[in-house]
């Protein structure tokens, strides 16, 4: 019987601090940072608490600009997805309205 060893990703303090700094930005949501960095939002929230409590110290990773770009891409994707869903709902309503009007015209013209 083989032993199953779980693998856990280890993150440096500087990576965690960079993620926290991004998540603290007023125009960026924690979930966007978590998605962009492929980490669980609860983990990021825990890092934010550790940072506030002084348990995470140091400088953010130098790749923070790359992280920032990934976060903004994620944010843009989420916003575009919202717009697409809204437009799809509007399109469905327009189709139903057109069908209703067409059906109504058919019944009134046949009477």
PDB file of N, CA and C in Angstrom:
ATOM      1  N   UNK A   1       0.838  -1.187   0.000  1.00  0.00           N
ATOM      2  CA  UNK A   1       0.000   0.000   0.000  1.00  0.00           C
ATOM      3  C   UNK A   1       0.876   1.242   0.000  1.00  0.00           C
ATOM      4  N   UNK A   2       0.643   2.126  -0.960  1.00  0.00           N
ATOM      5  CA  UNK A   2       1.434   3.346  -1.066  1.00  0.00           C
ATOM      6  C   UNK A   2       0.933   4.386  -0.084  1.00  0.00           C
ATOM      7  N   UNK A   3       1.854   5.107   0.467  1.00  0.00           N
ATOM      8  CA  UNK A   3       1.431   6.199   1.354  1.00  0.00           C
ATOM      9  C   UNK A   3       1.129   7.422   0.500  1.00  0.00           C
ATOM     10  N   UNK A   4       0.063   8.073   0.828  1.00  0.00           N
ATOM     11  CA  UNK A   4      -0.367   9.251   0.084  1.00  0.00           C
ATOM     12  C   UNK A   4       0.091  10.490   0.846  1.00  0.00           C
ATOM     13  N   UNK A   5       0.989  11.209   0.245  1.00  0.00           N
ATOM     14  CA  UNK A   5       1.508  12.401   0.896  1.00  0.00           C
ATOM     15  C   UNK A   5       0.909  13.629   0.210  1.00  0.00           C
ATOM     16  N   UNK A   6       0.244  14.456   1.008  1.00  0.00           N
ATOM     17  CA  UNK A   6      -0.337  15.673   0.443  1.00  0.00           C
ATOM     18  C   UNK A   6       0.765  16.689   0.189  1.00  0.00           C
ATOM     19  N   UNK A   7       0.632  17.394  -0.912  1.00  0.00           N
ATOM     20  CA  UNK A   7       1.593  18.457  -1.194  1.00  0.00           C
ATOM     21  C   UNK A   7       0.921  19.788  -0.955  1.00  0.00           C
ATOM     22  N   UNK A   8       1.592  20.625  -0.236  1.00  0.00           N
ATOM     23  CA  UNK A   8       1.080  21.958   0.060  1.00  0.00           C
ATOM     24  C   UNK A   8       2.034  22.975  -0.536  1.00  0.00           C
ATOM     25  N   UNK A   9       1.474  23.954  -1.187  1.00  0.00           N
ATOM     26  CA  UNK A   9       2.272  25.027  -1.745  1.00  0.00           C
ATOM     27  C   UNK A   9       2.783  25.896  -0.600  1.00  0.00           C
ATOM     28  N   UNK A  10       4.050  26.188  -0.598  1.00  0.00           N
ATOM     29  CA  UNK A  10       4.634  27.079   0.396  1.00  0.00           C
ATOM     30  C   UNK A  10       4.871  28.432  -0.269  1.00  0.00           C
ATOM     31  N   UNK A  11       4.442  29.464   0.384  1.00  0.00           N
ATOM     32  CA  UNK A  11       4.600  30.810  -0.139  1.00  0.00           C
ATOM     33  C   UNK A  11       5.564  31.587   0.754  1.00  0.00           C
ATOM     34  N   UNK A  12       6.385  32.391   0.147  1.00  0.00           N
ATOM     35  CA  UNK A  12       7.329  33.204   0.909  1.00  0.00           C
ATOM     36  C   UNK A  12       6.585  34.340   1.599  1.00  0.00           C
ATOM     37  N   UNK A  13       7.212  34.873   2.645  1.00  0.00           N
ATOM     38  CA  UNK A  13       6.613  36.024   3.332  1.00  0.00           C
ATOM     39  C   UNK A  13       6.453  37.187   2.360  1.00  0.00           C
ATOM     40  N   UNK A  14       7.436  37.378   1.477  1.00  0.00           N
ATOM     41  CA  UNK A  14       7.357  38.502   0.542  1.00  0.00           C
ATOM     42  C   UNK A  14       6.211  38.319  -0.457  1.00  0.00           C
ATOM     43  N   UNK A  15       5.938  37.066  -0.863  1.00  0.00           N
ATOM     44  CA  UNK A  15       4.795  36.803  -1.748  1.00  0.00           C
ATOM     45  C   UNK A  15       3.496  37.123  -1.022  1.00  0.00           C
ATOM     46  N   UNK A  16       3.384  36.646   0.231  1.00  0.00           N
ATOM     47  CA  UNK A  16       2.175  36.892   1.019  1.00  0.00           C
ATOM     48  C   UNK A  16       1.950  38.393   1.216  1.00  0.00           C
ATOM     49  N   UNK A  17       3.011  39.110   1.519  1.00  0.00           N
ATOM     50  CA  UNK A  17       2.889  40.561   1.736  1.00  0.00           C
ATOM     51  C   UNK A  17       2.455  41.256   0.452  1.00  0.00           C
ATOM     52  N   UNK A  18       3.020  40.838  -0.685  1.00  0.00           N
ATOM     53  CA  UNK A  18       2.620  41.425  -1.972  1.00  0.00           C
ATOM     54  C   UNK A  18       1.140  41.178  -2.228  1.00  0.00           C
ATOM     55  N   UNK A  19       0.669  39.963  -1.946  1.00  0.00           N
ATOM     56  CA  UNK A  19      -0.747  39.643  -2.136  1.00  0.00           C
ATOM     57  C   UNK A  19      -1.619  40.488  -1.214  1.00  0.00           C
ATOM     58  N   UNK A  20      -1.198  40.645   0.031  1.00  0.00           N
ATOM     59  CA  UNK A  20      -1.944  41.454   1.002  1.00  0.00           C
ATOM     60  C   UNK A  20      -2.015  42.905   0.542  1.00  0.00           C
ATOM     61  N   UNK A  21      -0.885  43.437   0.089  1.00  0.00           N
ATOM     62  CA  UNK A  21      -0.856  44.835  -0.374  1.00  0.00           C
ATOM     63  C   UNK A  21      -1.830  45.039  -1.537  1.00  0.00           C
ATOM     64  N   UNK A  22      -1.863  44.092  -2.448  1.00  0.00           N
ATOM     65  CA  UNK A  22      -2.797  44.184  -3.574  1.00  0.00           C
ATOM     66  C   UNK A  22      -4.241  44.133  -3.083  1.00  0.00           C
ATOM     67  N   UNK A  23      -4.514  43.229  -2.154  1.00  0.00           N
ATOM     68  CA  UNK A  23      -5.884  43.058  -1.650  1.00  0.00           C
ATOM     69  C   UNK A  23      -6.341  44.255  -0.832  1.00  0.00           C
ATOM     70  N   UNK A  24      -5.404  45.043  -0.322  1.00  0.00           N
ATOM     71  CA  UNK A  24      -5.762  46.226   0.464  1.00  0.00           C
ATOM     72  C   UNK A  24      -6.053  47.441  -0.409  1.00  0.00           C
ATOM     73  N   UNK A  25      -5.749  47.346  -1.692  1.00  0.00           N
ATOM     74  CA  UNK A  25      -6.014  48.459  -2.612  1.00  0.00           C
ATOM     75  C   UNK A  25      -7.515  48.715  -2.653  1.00  0.00           C
ATOM     76  N   UNK A  26      -7.945  49.990  -2.567  1.00  0.00           N
ATOM     77  CA  UNK A  26      -9.382  50.277  -2.488  1.00  0.00           C
ATOM     78  C   UNK A  26     -10.201  49.837  -3.701  1.00  0.00           C
ATOM     79  N   UNK A  27      -9.594  49.747  -4.872  1.00  0.00           N
ATOM     80  CA  UNK A  27     -10.341  49.380  -6.077  1.00  0.00           C
ATOM     81  C   UNK A  27     -10.206  47.907  -6.436  1.00  0.00           C
ATOM     82  N   UNK A  28      -9.608  47.124  -5.545  1.00  0.00           N
ATOM     83  CA  UNK A  28      -9.376  45.713  -5.833  1.00  0.00           C
ATOM     84  C   UNK A  28     -10.025  44.866  -4.748  1.00  0.00           C
ATOM     85  N   UNK A  29     -10.769  43.852  -5.169  1.00  0.00           N
ATOM     86  CA  UNK A  29     -11.409  42.950  -4.214  1.00  0.00           C
ATOM     87  C   UNK A  29     -10.499  41.774  -3.893  1.00  0.00           C
ATOM     88  N   UNK A  30     -10.607  41.284  -2.674  1.00  0.00           N
ATOM     89  CA  UNK A  30      -9.806  40.143  -2.231  1.00  0.00           C
ATOM     90  C   UNK A  30     -10.005  38.953  -3.160  1.00  0.00           C
ATOM     91  N   UNK A  31     -11.242  38.725  -3.598  1.00  0.00           N
ATOM     92  CA  UNK A  31     -11.505  37.569  -4.462  1.00  0.00           C
ATOM     93  C   UNK A  31     -10.782  37.693  -5.801  1.00  0.00           C
ATOM     94  N   UNK A  32     -10.617  38.913  -6.311  1.00  0.00           N
ATOM     95  CA  UNK A  32      -9.881  39.101  -7.569  1.00  0.00           C
ATOM     96  C   UNK A  32      -8.407  38.752  -7.393  1.00  0.00           C
ATOM     97  N   UNK A  33      -7.834  39.176  -6.274  1.00  0.00           N
ATOM     98  CA  UNK A  33      -6.433  38.863  -5.994  1.00  0.00           C
ATOM     99  C   UNK A  33      -6.274  37.351  -5.857  1.00  0.00           C
ATOM    100  N   UNK A  34      -7.157  36.729  -5.098  1.00  0.00           N
ATOM    101  CA  UNK A  34      -7.081  35.282  -4.881  1.00  0.00           C
ATOM    102  C   UNK A  34      -7.194  34.514  -6.209  1.00  0.00           C
ATOM    103  N   UNK A  35      -8.147  34.906  -7.048  1.00  0.00           N
ATOM    104  CA  UNK A  35      -8.305  34.232  -8.346  1.00  0.00           C
ATOM    105  C   UNK A  35      -7.078  34.424  -9.224  1.00  0.00           C
ATOM    106  N   UNK A  36      -6.575  35.645  -9.267  1.00  0.00           N
ATOM    107  CA  UNK A  36      -5.434  35.942 -10.122  1.00  0.00           C
ATOM    108  C   UNK A  36      -4.179  35.193  -9.669  1.00  0.00           C
ATOM    109  N   UNK A  37      -4.029  35.001  -8.366  1.00  0.00           N
ATOM    110  CA  UNK A  37      -2.836  34.346  -7.833  1.00  0.00           C
ATOM    111  C   UNK A  37      -3.051  32.852  -7.588  1.00  0.00           C
ATOM    112  N   UNK A  38      -4.248  32.378  -7.921  1.00  0.00           N
ATOM    113  CA  UNK A  38      -4.592  30.965  -7.779  1.00  0.00           C
ATOM    114  C   UNK A  38      -4.433  30.485  -6.337  1.00  0.00           C
ATOM    115  N   UNK A  39      -4.982  31.282  -5.412  1.00  0.00           N
ATOM    116  CA  UNK A  39      -5.006  30.902  -4.008  1.00  0.00           C
ATOM    117  C   UNK A  39      -6.433  31.029  -3.501  1.00  0.00           C
ATOM    118  N   UNK A  40      -6.744  30.369  -2.408  1.00  0.00           N
ATOM    119  CA  UNK A  40      -8.091  30.419  -1.859  1.00  0.00           C
ATOM    120  C   UNK A  40      -8.305  31.758  -1.155  1.00  0.00           C
ATOM    121  N   UNK A  41      -9.475  32.387  -1.340  1.00  0.00           N
ATOM    122  CA  UNK A  41      -9.735  33.677  -0.681  1.00  0.00           C
ATOM    123  C   UNK A  41      -9.582  33.631   0.841  1.00  0.00           C
ATOM    124  N   UNK A  42      -9.913  32.484   1.462  1.00  0.00           N
ATOM    125  CA  UNK A  42      -9.753  32.381   2.916  1.00  0.00           C
ATOM    126  C   UNK A  42      -8.283  32.448   3.315  1.00  0.00           C
ATOM    127  N   UNK A  43      -7.412  31.874   2.478  1.00  0.00           N
ATOM    128  CA  UNK A  43      -5.984  31.927   2.764  1.00  0.00           C
ATOM    129  C   UNK A  43      -5.502  33.373   2.715  1.00  0.00           C
ATOM    130  N   UNK A  44      -5.951  34.096   1.699  1.00  0.00           N
ATOM    131  CA  UNK A  44      -5.566  35.492   1.577  1.00  0.00           C
ATOM    132  C   UNK A  44      -6.097  36.308   2.756  1.00  0.00           C
ATOM    133  N   UNK A  45      -7.305  36.023   3.179  1.00  0.00           N
ATOM    134  CA  UNK A  45      -7.863  36.713   4.345  1.00  0.00           C
ATOM    135  C   UNK A  45      -7.034  36.421   5.594  1.00  0.00           C
ATOM    136  N   UNK A  46      -6.577  35.185   5.725  1.00  0.00           N
ATOM    137  CA  UNK A  46      -5.728  34.826   6.865  1.00  0.00           C
ATOM    138  C   UNK A  46      -4.406  35.588   6.805  1.00  0.00           C
ATOM    139  N   UNK A  47      -3.830  35.703   5.601  1.00  0.00           N
ATOM    140  CA  UNK A  47      -2.589  36.463   5.451  1.00  0.00           C
ATOM    141  C   UNK A  47      -2.802  37.932   5.815  1.00  0.00           C
ATOM    142  N   UNK A  48      -3.971  38.473   5.424  1.00  0.00           N
ATOM    143  CA  UNK A  48      -4.274  39.877   5.770  1.00  0.00           C
ATOM    144  C   UNK A  48      -4.312  40.054   7.284  1.00  0.00           C
ATOM    145  N   UNK A  49      -4.917  39.099   7.974  1.00  0.00           N
ATOM    146  CA  UNK A  49      -4.981  39.168   9.441  1.00  0.00           C
ATOM    147  C   UNK A  49      -3.586  39.041  10.039  1.00  0.00           C
ATOM    148  N   UNK A  50      -2.801  38.100   9.526  1.00  0.00           N
ATOM    149  CA  UNK A  50      -1.432  37.928  10.019  1.00  0.00           C
ATOM    150  C   UNK A  50      -0.614  39.202   9.811  1.00  0.00           C
ATOM    151  N   UNK A  51      -0.824  39.864   8.687  1.00  0.00           N
ATOM    152  CA  UNK A  51      -0.113  41.106   8.396  1.00  0.00           C
ATOM    153  C   UNK A  51      -0.536  42.197   9.386  1.00  0.00           C
ATOM    154  N   UNK A  52      -1.849  42.313   9.609  1.00  0.00           N
ATOM    155  CA  UNK A  52      -2.358  43.306  10.575  1.00  0.00           C
ATOM    156  C   UNK A  52      -1.822  43.037  11.978  1.00  0.00           C
ATOM    157  N   UNK A  53      -1.711  41.748  12.327  1.00  0.00           N
ATOM    158  CA  UNK A  53      -1.242  41.371  13.660  1.00  0.00           C
ATOM    159  C   UNK A  53       0.279  41.436  13.797  1.00  0.00           C
ATOM    160  N   UNK A  54       0.967  41.794  12.708  1.00  0.00           N
ATOM    161  CA  UNK A  54       2.425  41.915  12.761  1.00  0.00           C
ATOM    162  C   UNK A  54       3.176  40.604  12.620  1.00  0.00           C
ATOM    163  N   UNK A  55       2.476  39.544  12.222  1.00  0.00           N
ATOM    164  CA  UNK A  55       3.131  38.241  12.063  1.00  0.00           C
ATOM    165  C   UNK A  55       3.841  38.107  10.715  1.00  0.00           C
ATOM    166  N   UNK A  56       3.418  38.883   9.729  1.00  0.00           N
ATOM    167  CA  UNK A  56       4.084  38.907   8.417  1.00  0.00           C
ATOM    168  C   UNK A  56       4.870  40.204   8.324  1.00  0.00           C
ATOM    169  N   UNK A  57       6.172  40.057   8.172  1.00  0.00           N
ATOM    170  CA  UNK A  57       7.019  41.240   8.087  1.00  0.00           C
ATOM    171  C   UNK A  57       7.941  41.106   6.893  1.00  0.00           C
ATOM    172  N   UNK A  58       8.335  42.227   6.357  1.00  0.00           N
ATOM    173  CA  UNK A  58       9.254  42.229   5.232  1.00  0.00           C
ATOM    174  C   UNK A  58       8.725  43.087   4.106  1.00  0.00           C
ATOM    175  N   UNK A  59       9.373  42.959   2.980  1.00  0.00           N
ATOM    176  CA  UNK A  59       9.002  43.723   1.791  1.00  0.00           C
ATOM    177  C   UNK A  59       8.245  42.824   0.815  1.00  0.00           C
ATOM    178  N   UNK A  60       7.316  43.413   0.051  1.00  0.00           N
ATOM    179  CA  UNK A  60       6.605  42.596  -0.953  1.00  0.00           C
ATOM    180  C   UNK A  60       7.550  42.139  -2.052  1.00  0.00           C
ATOM    181  N   UNK A  61       7.205  41.044  -2.679  1.00  0.00           N
ATOM    182  CA  UNK A  61       8.016  40.521  -3.783  1.00  0.00           C
ATOM    183  C   UNK A  61       8.135  41.548  -4.896  1.00  0.00           C
ATOM    184  N   UNK A  62       9.221  41.449  -5.620  1.00  0.00           N
ATOM    185  CA  UNK A  62       9.470  42.375  -6.724  1.00  0.00           C
ATOM    186  C   UNK A  62       8.516  42.141  -7.888  1.00  0.00           C
ATOM    187  N   UNK A  63       7.863  41.013  -7.903  1.00  0.00           N
ATOM    188  CA  UNK A  63       6.932  40.697  -8.995  1.00  0.00           C
ATOM    189  C   UNK A  63       5.550  41.295  -8.738  1.00  0.00           C
ATOM    190  N   UNK A  64       5.460  42.223  -7.810  1.00  0.00           N
ATOM    191  CA  UNK A  64       4.148  42.796  -7.472  1.00  0.00           C
ATOM    192  C   UNK A  64       3.489  43.432  -8.696  1.00  0.00           C
ATOM    193  N   UNK A  65       4.266  44.001  -9.608  1.00  0.00           N
ATOM    194  CA  UNK A  65       3.678  44.598 -10.827  1.00  0.00           C
ATOM    195  C   UNK A  65       3.010  43.529 -11.684  1.00  0.00           C
ATOM    196  N   UNK A  66       3.638  42.384 -11.801  1.00  0.00           N
ATOM    197  CA  UNK A  66       3.045  41.277 -12.564  1.00  0.00           C
ATOM    198  C   UNK A  66       1.777  40.800 -11.859  1.00  0.00           C
ATOM    199  N   UNK A  67       1.841  40.701 -10.533  1.00  0.00           N
ATOM    200  CA  UNK A  67       0.661  40.311  -9.755  1.00  0.00           C
ATOM    201  C   UNK A  67      -0.461  41.316  -9.982  1.00  0.00           C
ATOM    202  N   UNK A  68      -0.110  42.592  -9.951  1.00  0.00           N
ATOM    203  CA  UNK A  68      -1.089  43.661 -10.149  1.00  0.00           C
ATOM    204  C   UNK A  68      -1.785  43.510 -11.500  1.00  0.00           C
ATOM    205  N   UNK A  69      -1.006  43.235 -12.540  1.00  0.00           N
ATOM    206  CA  UNK A  69      -1.575  43.063 -13.879  1.00  0.00           C
ATOM    207  C   UNK A  69      -2.547  41.884 -13.907  1.00  0.00           C
ATOM    208  N   UNK A  70      -2.176  40.782 -13.266  1.00  0.00           N
ATOM    209  CA  UNK A  70      -3.053  39.613 -13.231  1.00  0.00           C
ATOM    210  C   UNK A  70      -4.354  39.931 -12.500  1.00  0.00           C
ATOM    211  N   UNK A  71      -4.246  40.706 -11.426  1.00  0.00           N
ATOM    212  CA  UNK A  71      -5.436  41.074 -10.654  1.00  0.00           C
ATOM    213  C   UNK A  71      -6.349  41.953 -11.496  1.00  0.00           C
ATOM    214  N   UNK A  72      -5.787  42.943 -12.189  1.00  0.00           N
ATOM    215  CA  UNK A  72      -6.615  43.809 -13.025  1.00  0.00           C
ATOM    216  C   UNK A  72      -7.238  43.040 -14.183  1.00  0.00           C
ATOM    217  N   UNK A  73      -6.512  42.061 -14.715  1.00  0.00           N
ATOM    218  CA  UNK A  73      -7.089  41.207 -15.760  1.00  0.00           C
ATOM    219  C   UNK A  73      -8.286  40.442 -15.202  1.00  0.00           C
ATOM    220  N   UNK A  74      -8.132  39.894 -13.998  1.00  0.00           N
ATOM    221  CA  UNK A  74      -9.216  39.141 -13.366  1.00  0.00           C
ATOM    222  C   UNK A  74     -10.423  40.046 -13.124  1.00  0.00           C
ATOM    223  N   UNK A  75     -10.150  41.258 -12.666  1.00  0.00           N
ATOM    224  CA  UNK A  75     -11.223  42.225 -12.406  1.00  0.00           C
ATOM    225  C   UNK A  75     -11.955  42.559 -13.711  1.00  0.00           C
ATOM    226  N   UNK A  76     -11.199  42.764 -14.775  1.00  0.00           N
ATOM    227  CA  UNK A  76     -11.791  43.068 -16.082  1.00  0.00           C
ATOM    228  C   UNK A  76     -12.641  41.905 -16.570  1.00  0.00           C
ATOM    229  N   UNK A  77     -12.152  40.695 -16.404  1.00  0.00           N
ATOM    230  CA  UNK A  77     -12.916  39.507 -16.812  1.00  0.00           C
ATOM    231  C   UNK A  77     -14.235  39.449 -16.059  1.00  0.00           C
ATOM    232  N   UNK A  78     -14.182  39.679 -14.749  1.00  0.00           N
ATOM    233  CA  UNK A  78     -15.406  39.630 -13.939  1.00  0.00           C
ATOM    234  C   UNK A  78     -16.394  40.700 -14.391  1.00  0.00           C
ATOM    235  N   UNK A  79     -15.903  41.919 -14.656  1.00  0.00           N
ATOM    236  CA  UNK A  79     -16.788  42.999 -15.108  1.00  0.00           C
ATOM    237  C   UNK A  79     -17.390  42.691 -16.477  1.00  0.00           C
ATOM    238  N   UNK A  80     -16.587  42.167 -17.384  1.00  0.00           N
ATOM    239  CA  UNK A  80     -17.096  41.813 -18.708  1.00  0.00           C
ATOM    240  C   UNK A  80     -18.113  40.681 -18.620  1.00  0.00           C
ATOM    241  N   UNK A  81     -17.879  39.744 -17.732  1.00  0.00           N
ATOM    242  CA  UNK A  81     -18.824  38.650 -17.532  1.00  0.00           C
ATOM    243  C   UNK A  81     -20.168  39.188 -17.039  1.00  0.00           C
ATOM    244  N   UNK A  82     -20.133  40.146 -16.117  1.00  0.00           N
ATOM    245  CA  UNK A  82     -21.370  40.770 -15.631  1.00  0.00           C
ATOM    246  C   UNK A  82     -22.116  41.456 -16.775  1.00  0.00           C
ATOM    247  N   UNK A  83     -21.367  42.199 -17.582  1.00  0.00           N
ATOM    248  CA  UNK A  83     -21.994  42.898 -18.719  1.00  0.00           C
ATOM    249  C   UNK A  83     -22.618  41.906 -19.692  1.00  0.00           C
ATOM    250  N   UNK A  84     -21.883  40.843 -19.991  1.00  0.00           N
ATOM    251  CA  UNK A  84     -22.385  39.836 -20.922  1.00  0.00           C
ATOM    252  C   UNK A  84     -23.686  39.234 -20.407  1.00  0.00           C
ATOM    253  N   UNK A  85     -23.738  38.899 -19.135  1.00  0.00           N
ATOM    254  CA  UNK A  85     -24.953  38.325 -18.565  1.00  0.00           C
ATOM    255  C   UNK A  85     -26.113  39.306 -18.638  1.00  0.00           C
ATOM    256  N   UNK A  86     -25.840  40.586 -18.373  1.00  0.00           N
ATOM    257  CA  UNK A  86     -26.886  41.602 -18.454  1.00  0.00           C
ATOM    258  C   UNK A  86     -27.405  41.727 -19.887  1.00  0.00           C
ATOM    259  N   UNK A  87     -26.496  41.770 -20.851  1.00  0.00           N
ATOM    260  CA  UNK A  87     -26.888  41.891 -22.260  1.00  0.00           C
ATOM    261  C   UNK A  87     -27.663  40.648 -22.708  1.00  0.00           C
ATOM    262  N   UNK A  88     -27.252  39.477 -22.238  1.00  0.00           N
ATOM    263  CA  UNK A  88     -27.985  38.253 -22.587  1.00  0.00           C
ATOM    264  C   UNK A  88     -29.407  38.297 -22.035  1.00  0.00           C
ATOM    265  N   UNK A  89     -29.574  38.800 -20.801  1.00  0.00           N
ATOM    266  CA  UNK A  89     -30.925  38.927 -20.224  1.00  0.00           C
ATOM    267  C   UNK A  89     -31.747  39.934 -21.028  1.00  0.00           C
ATOM    268  N   UNK A  90     -31.137  41.065 -21.380  1.00  0.00           N
ATOM    269  CA  UNK A  90     -31.853  42.073 -22.166  1.00  0.00           C
ATOM    270  C   UNK A  90     -32.262  41.502 -23.519  1.00  0.00           C
ATOM    271  N   UNK A  91     -31.368  40.766 -24.141  1.00  0.00           N
ATOM    272  CA  UNK A  91     -31.651  40.156 -25.437  1.00  0.00           C
ATOM    273  C   UNK A  91     -32.820  39.172 -25.328  1.00  0.00           C
ATOM    274  N   UNK A  92     -32.825  38.362 -24.271  1.00  0.00           N
ATOM    275  CA  UNK A  92     -33.910  37.410 -24.060  1.00  0.00           C
ATOM    276  C   UNK A  92     -35.236  38.152 -23.876  1.00  0.00           C
ATOM    277  N   UNK A  93     -35.219  39.228 -23.098  1.00  0.00           N
ATOM    278  CA  UNK A  93     -36.444  40.008 -22.893  1.00  0.00           C
ATOM    279  C   UNK A  93     -36.934  40.637 -24.195  1.00  0.00           C
ATOM    280  N   UNK A  94     -36.022  41.135 -24.997  1.00  0.00           N
ATOM    281  CA  UNK A  94     -36.407  41.708 -26.297  1.00  0.00           C
ATOM    282  C   UNK A  94     -37.032  40.646 -27.199  1.00  0.00           C
ATOM    283  N   UNK A  95     -36.449  39.460 -27.212  1.00  0.00           N
ATOM    284  CA  UNK A  95     -37.004  38.375 -28.026  1.00  0.00           C
ATOM    285  C   UNK A  95     -38.407  38.014 -27.563  1.00  0.00           C
ATOM    286  N   UNK A  96     -38.590  37.927 -26.250  1.00  0.00           N
ATOM    287  CA  UNK A  96     -39.912  37.611 -25.713  1.00  0.00           C
ATOM    288  C   UNK A  96     -40.908  38.713 -26.048  1.00  0.00           C
ATOM    289  N   UNK A  97     -40.463  39.942 -25.955  1.00  0.00           N
ATOM    290  CA  UNK A  97     -41.332  41.078 -26.277  1.00  0.00           C
ATOM    291  C   UNK A  97     -41.733  41.050 -27.752  1.00  0.00           C
ATOM    292  N   UNK A  98     -40.762  40.776 -28.614  1.00  0.00           N
ATOM    293  CA  UNK A  98     -41.050  40.703 -30.045  1.00  0.00           C
ATOM    294  C   UNK A  98     -42.015  39.558 -30.345  1.00  0.00           C
ATOM    295  N   UNK A  99     -41.815  38.420 -29.691  1.00  0.00           N
ATOM    296  CA  UNK A  99     -42.698  37.267 -29.902  1.00  0.00           C
ATOM    297  C   UNK A  99     -44.104  37.588 -29.414  1.00  0.00           C
ATOM    298  N   UNK A 100     -44.200  38.226 -28.261  1.00  0.00           N
ATOM    299  CA  UNK A 100     -45.490  38.610 -27.706  1.00  0.00           C
ATOM    300  C   UNK A 100     -46.217  39.563 -28.661  1.00  0.00           C
ATOM    301  N   UNK A 101     -45.491  40.560 -29.158  1.00  0.00           N
ATOM    302  CA  UNK A 101     -46.084  41.535 -30.085  1.00  0.00           C
ATOM    303  C   UNK A 101     -46.514  40.840 -31.378  1.00  0.00           C
ATOM    304  N   UNK A 102     -45.680  39.947 -31.871  1.00  0.00           N
ATOM    305  CA  UNK A 102     -46.005  39.218 -33.095  1.00  0.00           C
ATOM    306  C   UNK A 102     -47.251  38.344 -32.899  1.00  0.00           C
ATOM    307  N   UNK A 103     -47.302  37.628 -31.795  1.00  0.00           N
ATOM    308  CA  UNK A 103     -48.465  36.778 -31.498  1.00  0.00           C
ATOM    309  C   UNK A 103     -49.729  37.626 -31.343  1.00  0.00           C
ATOM    310  N   UNK A 104     -49.585  38.743 -30.712  1.00  0.00           N
ATOM    311  CA  UNK A 104     -50.733  39.634 -30.482  1.00  0.00           C
ATOM    312  C   UNK A 104     -51.265  40.188 -31.814  1.00  0.00           C
ATOM    313  N   UNK A 105     -50.346  40.563 -32.701  1.00  0.00           N
ATOM    314  CA  UNK A 105     -50.754  41.084 -34.006  1.00  0.00           C
ATOM    315  C   UNK A 105     -51.445  40.005 -34.843  1.00  0.00           C
ATOM    316  N   UNK A 106     -50.971  38.781 -34.742  1.00  0.00           N
ATOM    317  CA  UNK A 106     -51.593  37.685 -35.481  1.00  0.00           C
ATOM    318  C   UNK A 106     -53.023  37.441 -35.003  1.00  0.00           C
ATOM    319  N   UNK A 107     -53.233  37.441 -33.698  1.00  0.00           N
ATOM    320  CA  UNK A 107     -54.582  37.181 -33.168  1.00  0.00           C
ATOM    321  C   UNK A 107     -55.527  38.332 -33.444  1.00  0.00           C
ATOM    322  N   UNK A 108     -55.033  39.555 -33.424  1.00  0.00           N
ATOM    323  CA  UNK A 108     -55.929  40.695 -33.685  1.00  0.00           C
ATOM    324  C   UNK A 108     -56.233  40.828 -35.159  1.00  0.00           C
ATOM    325  N   UNK A 109     -55.329  40.411 -36.050  1.00  0.00           N
ATOM    326  CA  UNK A 109     -55.597  40.511 -37.478  1.00  0.00           C
ATOM    327  C   UNK A 109     -56.516  39.393 -37.972  1.00  0.00           C
ATOM    328  N   UNK A 110     -56.541  38.270 -37.256  1.00  0.00           N
ATOM    329  CA  UNK A 110     -57.401  37.159 -37.693  1.00  0.00           C
ATOM    330  C   UNK A 110     -58.826  37.284 -37.185  1.00  0.00           C
ATOM    331  N   UNK A 111     -59.093  38.243 -36.299  1.00  0.00           N
ATOM    332  CA  UNK A 111     -60.450  38.402 -35.790  1.00  0.00           C
ATOM    333  C   UNK A 111     -61.334  39.224 -36.660  1.00  0.00           C
TER     334      UNK A 111
END
